[in-house]
């Protein structure tokens, strides 16, 4: 982390604030190649090392990427992780809806599905955050689809005291 000690310190301070029950949102910016991804990798490693649940997904530079792609891919990864069975049990009340989201086959008309998916993901965060600190990372947020951007705004607007660190 040569030359990034101060930046890492700010991320770790935000993580500590979240441990104390205060939601935090951080957006990292900078030119390509300056080390944003490496900085996030270090944050993720430290967060996981301290028992946090991490949902890490990346937006893609694809014109027609599926709605909520970074979040769906992060949830898929969490369910395959060593803590996957625990996460699956916590999210069991919404397993049918999550299966639809993770299969990327919305069963409802788009506007209604989007609102319901926002609320579903809000409930997922509310369920995971009390168990351990929850770190949600959307890599390459500049390429995120509209639904993912709406989710970020929805979480920021509706959460304040949850143990959530949201990083873009």
Protein backbone atom coordinates (compact mmCIF):
# COMPACT_ATOMS: atom_id res chain seq x y z
CA UNK A 1 0.00 0.00 0.00
CA UNK A 2 2.84 2.33 -0.88
CA UNK A 3 1.59 5.90 -1.00
CA UNK A 4 -1.97 4.90 -0.09
CA UNK A 5 -1.66 4.77 3.70
CA UNK A 6 -3.80 7.86 4.22
CA UNK A 7 -6.51 6.59 1.87
CA UNK A 8 -6.52 3.17 3.55
CA UNK A 9 -6.67 4.89 6.92
CA UNK A 10 -9.82 6.75 5.87
CA UNK A 11 -11.44 3.52 4.67
CA UNK A 12 -10.53 1.72 7.90
CA UNK A 13 -11.85 4.66 9.96
CA UNK A 14 -15.15 4.39 8.05
CA UNK A 15 -15.19 0.64 8.73
CA UNK A 16 -14.68 1.32 12.44
CA UNK A 17 -17.48 3.88 12.41
CA UNK A 18 -19.73 1.26 10.85
CA UNK A 19 -18.76 -1.20 13.61
CA UNK A 20 -20.12 1.37 16.05
CA UNK A 21 -23.50 1.35 14.27
CA UNK A 22 -23.25 4.23 11.83
CA UNK A 23 -23.74 3.54 8.13
CA UNK A 24 -21.06 5.01 5.84
CA UNK A 25 -20.78 5.51 2.09
CA UNK A 26 -17.50 6.12 0.29
CA UNK A 27 -16.89 6.73 -3.39
CA UNK A 28 -13.32 6.33 -4.61
CA UNK A 29 -12.29 8.22 -7.68
CA UNK A 30 -9.18 8.59 -9.72
CA UNK A 31 -7.64 7.85 -13.07
CA UNK A 32 -7.27 4.28 -14.28
CA UNK A 33 -4.26 2.57 -12.77
CA UNK A 34 -3.91 4.72 -9.64
CA UNK A 35 -4.67 1.81 -7.31
CA UNK A 36 -8.38 2.03 -6.48
CA UNK A 37 -8.91 -1.70 -6.93
CA UNK A 38 -5.85 -2.55 -4.83
CA UNK A 39 -7.08 -0.21 -2.11
CA UNK A 40 -10.49 -1.90 -2.11
CA UNK A 41 -8.84 -5.35 -2.04
CA UNK A 42 -6.94 -4.35 1.09
CA UNK A 43 -10.12 -3.01 2.72
CA UNK A 44 -11.99 -6.22 1.84
CA UNK A 45 -9.19 -8.41 3.23
CA UNK A 46 -9.12 -6.48 6.50
CA UNK A 47 -12.91 -6.39 6.78
CA UNK A 48 -13.20 -10.14 6.18
CA UNK A 49 -10.32 -10.75 8.58
CA UNK A 50 -12.27 -8.96 11.30
CA UNK A 51 -15.44 -10.99 10.66
CA UNK A 52 -17.34 -8.67 8.33
CA UNK A 53 -19.59 -9.99 5.60
CA UNK A 54 -18.47 -8.64 2.23
CA UNK A 55 -20.55 -8.41 -0.92
CA UNK A 56 -18.20 -7.48 -3.75
CA UNK A 57 -19.49 -7.07 -7.28
CA UNK A 58 -18.28 -5.25 -10.34
CA UNK A 59 -20.22 -3.32 -12.93
CA UNK A 60 -19.36 -4.14 -16.51
CA UNK A 61 -18.84 -1.92 -19.50
CA UNK A 62 -21.62 -3.63 -21.44
CA UNK A 63 -24.40 -1.51 -22.90
CA UNK A 64 -27.14 -3.99 -21.99
CA UNK A 65 -25.88 -5.37 -18.69
CA UNK A 66 -28.64 -7.01 -16.64
CA UNK A 67 -30.33 -4.98 -13.91
CA UNK A 68 -28.57 -5.13 -10.53
CA UNK A 69 -25.68 -7.05 -12.10
CA UNK A 70 -22.97 -6.09 -9.54
CA UNK A 71 -25.25 -6.89 -6.60
CA UNK A 72 -26.47 -10.16 -8.07
CA UNK A 73 -22.91 -11.28 -8.77
CA UNK A 74 -21.88 -10.25 -5.23
CA UNK A 75 -24.72 -12.27 -3.71
CA UNK A 76 -23.82 -15.28 -5.86
CA UNK A 77 -20.23 -15.08 -4.64
CA UNK A 78 -21.36 -14.74 -1.00
CA UNK A 79 -23.55 -17.82 -1.34
CA UNK A 80 -20.58 -19.80 -2.73
CA UNK A 81 -18.20 -18.55 -0.02
CA UNK A 82 -17.23 -20.51 3.11
CA UNK A 83 -19.99 -18.59 4.93
CA UNK A 84 -22.50 -19.33 2.16
CA UNK A 85 -24.66 -21.71 4.19
CA UNK A 86 -24.94 -19.12 6.97
CA UNK A 87 -25.86 -16.37 4.49
CA UNK A 88 -28.39 -18.68 2.82
CA UNK A 89 -30.08 -19.39 6.19
CA UNK A 90 -30.27 -15.68 7.01
CA UNK A 91 -31.85 -14.90 3.66
CA UNK A 92 -34.19 -17.93 3.62
CA UNK A 93 -37.38 -15.82 3.93
CA UNK A 94 -36.66 -14.33 0.51
CA UNK A 95 -35.08 -17.33 -1.19
CA UNK A 96 -37.64 -17.46 -4.03
CA UNK A 97 -37.24 -13.77 -4.86
CA UNK A 98 -33.47 -13.97 -4.58
CA UNK A 99 -33.42 -17.02 -6.86
CA UNK A 100 -35.28 -14.95 -9.48
CA UNK A 101 -32.84 -12.07 -9.09
CA UNK A 102 -29.80 -14.33 -9.24
CA UNK A 103 -31.17 -16.08 -12.30
CA UNK A 104 -31.71 -12.62 -13.83
CA UNK A 105 -35.22 -13.58 -14.96
CA UNK A 106 -37.60 -10.97 -13.63
CA UNK A 107 -41.07 -12.47 -13.29
CA UNK A 108 -42.90 -9.13 -13.00
CA UNK A 109 -43.27 -6.19 -15.40
CA UNK A 110 -40.09 -4.10 -15.29
CA UNK A 111 -41.22 -1.05 -13.23
CA UNK A 112 -42.89 -3.15 -10.54
CA UNK A 113 -40.03 -5.66 -10.50
CA UNK A 114 -37.51 -2.87 -10.04
CA UNK A 115 -39.29 -1.35 -7.05
CA UNK A 116 -39.80 -4.76 -5.48
CA UNK A 117 -36.16 -5.65 -6.09
CA UNK A 118 -35.01 -2.42 -4.44
CA UNK A 119 -37.08 -3.29 -1.38
CA UNK A 120 -35.89 -6.91 -1.43
CA UNK A 121 -32.23 -5.83 -1.46
CA UNK A 122 -32.96 -3.29 1.28
CA UNK A 123 -34.34 -6.17 3.41
CA UNK A 124 -31.27 -8.28 2.58
CA UNK A 125 -29.02 -5.51 3.92
CA UNK A 126 -31.21 -5.10 7.01
CA UNK A 127 -30.95 -8.86 7.64
CA UNK A 128 -27.19 -9.18 7.09
CA UNK A 129 -25.99 -6.01 8.84
CA UNK A 130 -27.00 -6.98 12.42
CA UNK A 131 -25.15 -10.31 12.10
CA UNK A 132 -21.80 -8.68 11.36
CA UNK A 133 -20.55 -5.53 9.72
CA UNK A 134 -21.68 -5.60 6.10
CA UNK A 135 -19.40 -4.18 3.41
CA UNK A 136 -21.00 -3.76 -0.02
CA UNK A 137 -18.58 -2.86 -2.81
CA UNK A 138 -19.57 -1.97 -6.36
CA UNK A 139 -16.39 -1.88 -8.42
CA UNK A 140 -16.38 0.30 -11.54
CA UNK A 141 -19.56 2.07 -10.45
CA UNK A 142 -19.17 4.42 -13.44
CA UNK A 143 -20.40 1.52 -15.60
CA UNK A 144 -23.24 0.47 -13.31
CA UNK A 145 -26.70 0.02 -14.77
CA UNK A 146 -29.52 2.34 -13.75
CA UNK A 147 -31.00 -0.23 -11.34
CA UNK A 148 -27.74 -0.55 -9.43
CA UNK A 149 -27.37 3.23 -9.21
CA UNK A 150 -30.96 3.43 -7.95
CA UNK A 151 -30.15 0.81 -5.32
CA UNK A 152 -27.15 2.79 -4.08
CA UNK A 153 -29.31 5.91 -3.79
CA UNK A 154 -32.11 3.92 -2.13
CA UNK A 155 -29.76 2.47 0.49
CA UNK A 156 -28.13 5.82 1.22
CA UNK A 157 -31.55 7.48 1.57
CA UNK A 158 -33.07 4.76 3.76
CA UNK A 159 -30.27 3.60 6.03
CA UNK A 160 -28.48 5.52 8.75
CA UNK A 161 -27.82 3.32 11.78
CA UNK A 162 -27.16 -0.02 10.14
CA UNK A 163 -23.70 -1.54 10.22
CA UNK A 164 -23.18 -1.05 6.48
CA UNK A 165 -20.17 0.30 4.63
CA UNK A 166 -21.09 1.03 1.01
CA UNK A 167 -18.12 1.55 -1.31
CA UNK A 168 -18.25 2.58 -4.95
